[in-house]
Amino acid sequence: MADKDPKQNEPIELDVLNKENEELKNNVTKGQKYVMWGMIAISVIAIIVIIYIFAVRNPGIKAANEAVSQADITLSQGNDSVALAQYQQVANEYGYEAGNRATLVAATMLYRDGKYEEAISNLKNFDPKEALVGAAAMSLEGDCYVNLQKYSDALASYDKAIKISDNNALYTPLFMLKKATVLREQKDYAAELKVLKAIKADYPEYSRAYNLDIDKYIARAEYQASEK
């Protein structure tokens, strides 16, 4: 059988190459369209973000700052009840840093007025941006629970405050003392003793700085723990 002439295959091969080139062109065109639409989508998102920042967010921040500043002025003038209402309004109507600060100030004022449940409700909505502020807020929540005689909840709040404060030489031992006080109220003297010893071992400067006779409290807890 005679071999086929290679030239007879050329049209077929050329057809295949032409077809592949055409597909490649189509794919490139499609890819360019995808890229183009992708760039348009990104541009649209960027425009939306810019509009949000300049038309919504910045004016919102400005309004929130002005509102909380007015509440600060009212408080400085001694109009506590009016200031509280203003802080609560800012907290309810605005987010941003000003609204967050208003939430914490309102909670503090409610605590001072003996409205512990309302203070706790405000604190639940507080979103701390700094660890120590968050720890202080958790400590305040614990104080509210103590006044409501909800000691287990108070201990949970103080534990969170201790953890968040991250071994701060000033605040961590303070929160630990609050915890020890609640444990004593629960007559859990062994647990109280453990906390007091930890304060003495880990924060020796705290007792000296605040003239705290930690050894006296440790001795008392040791005696009562042994009597139980």
Protein backbone atom coordinates (compact mmCIF):
# COMPACT_ATOMS: atom_id res chain seq x y z
CA MET A 1 0.00 0.00 0.00
CA ALA A 2 1.42 3.33 -1.05
CA ASP A 3 2.23 5.94 1.59
CA LYS A 4 -0.03 8.95 1.74
CA ASP A 5 1.37 12.19 0.50
CA PRO A 6 2.21 14.38 3.57
CA LYS A 7 0.94 17.39 1.65
CA GLN A 8 -2.56 15.90 1.78
CA ASN A 9 -2.54 16.42 5.59
CA GLU A 10 -1.57 20.09 5.39
CA PRO A 11 -5.11 21.46 4.88
CA ILE A 12 -6.34 19.41 7.84
CA GLU A 13 -3.49 20.59 10.07
CA LEU A 14 -4.01 24.17 8.95
CA ASP A 15 -7.69 23.87 9.72
CA VAL A 16 -6.86 22.60 13.22
CA LEU A 17 -4.39 25.42 13.80
CA ASN A 18 -6.85 27.99 12.53
CA LYS A 19 -9.52 26.59 14.80
CA GLU A 20 -7.17 26.67 17.81
CA ASN A 21 -6.16 30.24 17.01
CA GLU A 22 -9.80 31.25 16.76
CA GLU A 23 -10.56 29.60 20.14
CA LEU A 24 -7.54 31.33 21.64
CA LYS A 25 -8.77 34.69 20.33
CA ASN A 26 -12.21 34.02 21.76
CA ASN A 27 -10.74 33.06 25.14
CA VAL A 28 -8.56 36.16 25.19
CA THR A 29 -11.56 38.30 24.29
CA LYS A 30 -13.64 36.68 27.02
CA GLY A 31 -10.79 37.11 29.48
CA GLN A 32 -10.51 40.77 28.57
CA LYS A 33 -14.25 41.16 29.12
CA TYR A 34 -13.99 39.46 32.54
CA VAL A 35 -11.09 41.70 33.48
CA MET A 36 -12.97 44.74 32.23
CA TRP A 37 -16.13 43.85 34.17
CA GLY A 38 -14.03 42.98 37.20
CA MET A 39 -12.36 46.39 37.06
CA ILE A 40 -15.75 48.05 36.68
CA ALA A 41 -17.05 46.12 39.71
CA ILE A 42 -14.01 47.13 41.78
CA SER A 43 -14.48 50.74 40.68
CA VAL A 44 -18.14 50.64 41.69
CA ILE A 45 -17.24 49.22 45.12
CA ALA A 46 -14.55 51.89 45.55
CA ILE A 47 -17.07 54.61 44.67
CA ILE A 48 -19.58 53.19 47.16
CA VAL A 49 -16.91 53.13 49.89
CA ILE A 50 -15.90 56.72 49.13
CA ILE A 51 -19.54 57.84 49.18
CA TYR A 52 -20.04 56.04 52.50
CA ILE A 53 -16.96 57.66 54.04
CA PHE A 54 -17.64 61.20 52.92
CA ALA A 55 -21.43 61.29 52.72
CA VAL A 56 -22.38 59.01 55.60
CA ARG A 57 -19.55 58.03 57.93
CA ASN A 58 -17.70 61.32 58.35
CA PRO A 59 -20.87 63.38 58.93
CA GLY A 60 -22.07 60.65 61.28
CA ILE A 61 -18.84 60.76 63.26
CA LYS A 62 -19.00 64.55 63.39
CA ALA A 63 -22.61 64.50 64.61
CA ALA A 64 -21.80 61.82 67.21
CA ASN A 65 -18.79 63.77 68.48
CA GLU A 66 -20.83 66.96 68.74
CA ALA A 67 -23.62 65.16 70.59
CA VAL A 68 -21.32 63.48 73.11
CA SER A 69 -19.44 66.77 73.62
CA GLN A 70 -22.73 68.44 74.50
CA ALA A 71 -23.41 65.66 77.01
CA ASP A 72 -19.95 66.22 78.51
CA ILE A 73 -20.70 69.93 78.93
CA THR A 74 -24.04 69.18 80.55
CA LEU A 75 -22.38 66.76 82.98
CA SER A 76 -19.66 69.27 83.86
CA GLN A 77 -22.40 71.76 84.74
CA GLY A 78 -23.83 69.33 87.29
CA ASN A 79 -26.99 68.44 85.36
CA ASP A 80 -26.52 64.72 85.84
CA SER A 81 -30.00 63.53 84.88
CA VAL A 82 -30.02 65.59 81.68
CA ALA A 83 -26.48 64.46 80.85
CA LEU A 84 -27.45 60.82 81.37
CA ALA A 85 -30.35 61.21 78.95
CA GLN A 86 -28.02 62.81 76.41
CA TYR A 87 -25.43 60.05 76.74
CA GLN A 88 -28.11 57.41 76.33
CA GLN A 89 -29.41 59.16 73.23
CA VAL A 90 -25.93 59.24 71.72
CA ALA A 91 -25.43 55.57 72.60
CA ASN A 92 -28.75 54.61 70.98
CA GLU A 93 -28.47 56.74 67.85
CA TYR A 94 -24.78 56.54 66.97
CA GLY A 95 -22.06 54.00 66.64
CA TYR A 96 -18.50 55.12 66.20
CA GLU A 97 -16.15 55.94 69.06
CA ALA A 98 -18.38 58.67 70.50
CA GLY A 99 -21.40 56.38 70.76
CA ASN A 100 -19.25 53.71 72.36
CA ARG A 101 -17.89 56.15 74.95
CA ALA A 102 -21.40 57.41 75.66
CA THR A 103 -22.45 53.83 76.40
CA LEU A 104 -19.71 53.43 79.03
CA VAL A 105 -20.32 56.84 80.65
CA ALA A 106 -24.06 56.13 80.82
CA ALA A 107 -23.35 52.76 82.45
CA THR A 108 -21.11 54.42 85.04
CA MET A 109 -23.76 57.02 85.86
CA LEU A 110 -26.48 54.37 86.13
CA TYR A 111 -24.27 52.38 88.50
CA ARG A 112 -23.75 55.46 90.65
CA ASP A 113 -27.53 55.97 90.73
CA GLY A 114 -28.04 52.40 91.93
CA LYS A 115 -29.61 51.28 88.64
CA TYR A 116 -27.49 48.18 88.37
CA GLU A 117 -29.58 46.20 85.89
CA GLU A 118 -29.67 49.15 83.49
CA ALA A 119 -25.94 49.66 83.93
CA ILE A 120 -25.29 46.02 83.05
CA SER A 121 -27.52 46.33 79.98
CA ASN A 122 -25.43 49.29 78.80
CA LEU A 123 -22.17 47.48 79.49
CA LYS A 124 -23.30 44.53 77.38
CA ASN A 125 -23.46 46.92 74.43
CA PHE A 126 -20.04 48.41 75.11
CA ASP A 127 -17.32 47.50 72.63
CA PRO A 128 -13.93 48.35 74.16
CA LYS A 129 -11.13 49.37 71.81
CA GLU A 130 -8.42 49.22 74.48
CA ALA A 131 -7.69 46.33 76.80
CA LEU A 132 -7.59 48.32 80.04
CA VAL A 133 -10.83 50.13 79.25
CA GLY A 134 -12.44 46.78 78.51
CA ALA A 135 -11.11 45.38 81.78
CA ALA A 136 -12.46 48.36 83.71
CA ALA A 137 -15.86 47.89 82.07
CA MET A 138 -15.89 44.21 83.07
CA SER A 139 -14.93 45.21 86.62
CA LEU A 140 -17.82 47.68 86.71
CA GLU A 141 -20.13 44.92 85.52
CA GLY A 142 -18.85 42.79 88.39
CA ASP A 143 -19.56 45.62 90.84
CA CYS A 144 -23.13 45.79 89.54
CA TYR A 145 -23.60 42.06 90.11
CA VAL A 146 -22.19 42.35 93.63
CA ASN A 147 -24.77 44.99 94.48
CA LEU A 148 -27.45 42.69 93.08
CA GLN A 149 -25.98 39.88 95.21
CA LYS A 150 -25.36 37.82 92.10
CA TYR A 151 -21.97 36.68 93.28
CA SER A 152 -21.32 33.95 90.71
CA ASP A 153 -21.90 36.44 87.90
CA ALA A 154 -19.68 38.94 89.69
CA LEU A 155 -16.85 36.42 89.91
CA ALA A 156 -17.18 35.66 86.20
CA SER A 157 -16.94 39.37 85.39
CA TYR A 158 -13.92 39.87 87.64
CA ASP A 159 -12.19 36.86 86.10
CA LYS A 160 -12.67 38.41 82.67
CA ALA A 161 -11.34 41.74 83.94
CA ILE A 162 -8.27 40.00 85.38
CA LYS A 163 -7.61 38.21 82.11
CA ILE A 164 -8.13 41.25 79.88
CA SER A 165 -5.95 43.50 82.06
CA ASP A 166 -3.06 41.17 81.25
CA ASN A 167 -0.96 41.48 84.40
CA ASN A 168 -1.20 45.25 84.60
CA ALA A 169 0.61 46.21 87.81
CA LEU A 170 -2.09 48.68 88.85
CA TYR A 171 -5.38 47.19 87.72
CA THR A 172 -4.94 43.42 87.79
CA PRO A 173 -4.35 43.21 91.58
CA LEU A 174 -7.29 45.57 92.12
CA PHE A 175 -9.60 43.23 90.21
CA MET A 176 -8.13 40.29 92.12
CA LEU A 177 -8.92 42.02 95.42
CA LYS A 178 -12.51 42.46 94.30
CA LYS A 179 -12.64 38.78 93.46
CA ALA A 180 -11.22 37.86 96.87
CA THR A 181 -13.85 40.04 98.57
CA VAL A 182 -16.67 38.21 96.77
CA LEU A 183 -15.16 34.84 97.63
CA ARG A 184 -15.07 35.91 101.26
CA GLU A 185 -18.73 36.92 101.05
CA GLN A 186 -19.44 33.40 99.79
CA LYS A 187 -17.43 32.04 102.73
CA ASP A 188 -15.05 30.32 100.33
CA TYR A 189 -12.03 31.19 102.44
CA ALA A 190 -9.69 28.71 100.76
CA ALA A 191 -10.31 30.31 97.37
CA GLU A 192 -9.98 33.77 98.91
CA LEU A 193 -6.65 32.76 100.43
CA LYS A 194 -5.38 31.53 97.07
CA VAL A 195 -6.18 34.86 95.40
CA LEU A 196 -4.62 36.90 98.21
CA LYS A 197 -1.42 34.87 98.10
CA ALA A 198 -1.27 35.37 94.33
CA ILE A 199 -1.55 39.13 94.80
CA LYS A 200 1.30 39.11 97.32
CA ALA A 201 3.51 36.92 95.14
CA ASP A 202 2.83 38.49 91.75
CA TYR A 203 2.26 42.14 92.66
CA PRO A 204 4.35 42.95 95.76
CA GLU A 205 4.62 46.64 94.84
CA TYR A 206 0.84 47.06 94.81
CA SER A 207 0.46 46.43 98.54
CA ARG A 208 3.27 48.85 99.37
CA ALA A 209 1.99 51.55 97.02
CA TYR A 210 -1.49 51.50 98.54
CA ASN A 211 -0.54 50.66 102.15
CA LEU A 212 -2.44 47.40 101.86
CA ASP A 213 -1.67 45.03 104.72
CA ILE A 214 -2.00 41.94 102.56
CA ASP A 215 -0.44 39.73 105.24
CA LYS A 216 -3.26 40.59 107.63
CA TYR A 217 -5.88 39.51 105.09
CA ILE A 218 -3.92 36.36 104.29
CA ALA A 219 -3.70 35.45 107.99
CA ARG A 220 -7.43 36.00 108.42
CA ALA A 221 -8.27 33.85 105.39
CA GLU A 222 -5.87 31.12 106.57
CA TYR A 223 -7.50 31.02 110.00
CA GLN A 224 -11.04 30.91 108.65
CA ALA A 225 -10.14 28.34 105.99
CA SER A 226 -8.70 26.08 108.71
CA GLU A 227 -11.83 26.50 110.84
CA LYS A 228 -14.16 25.39 108.07
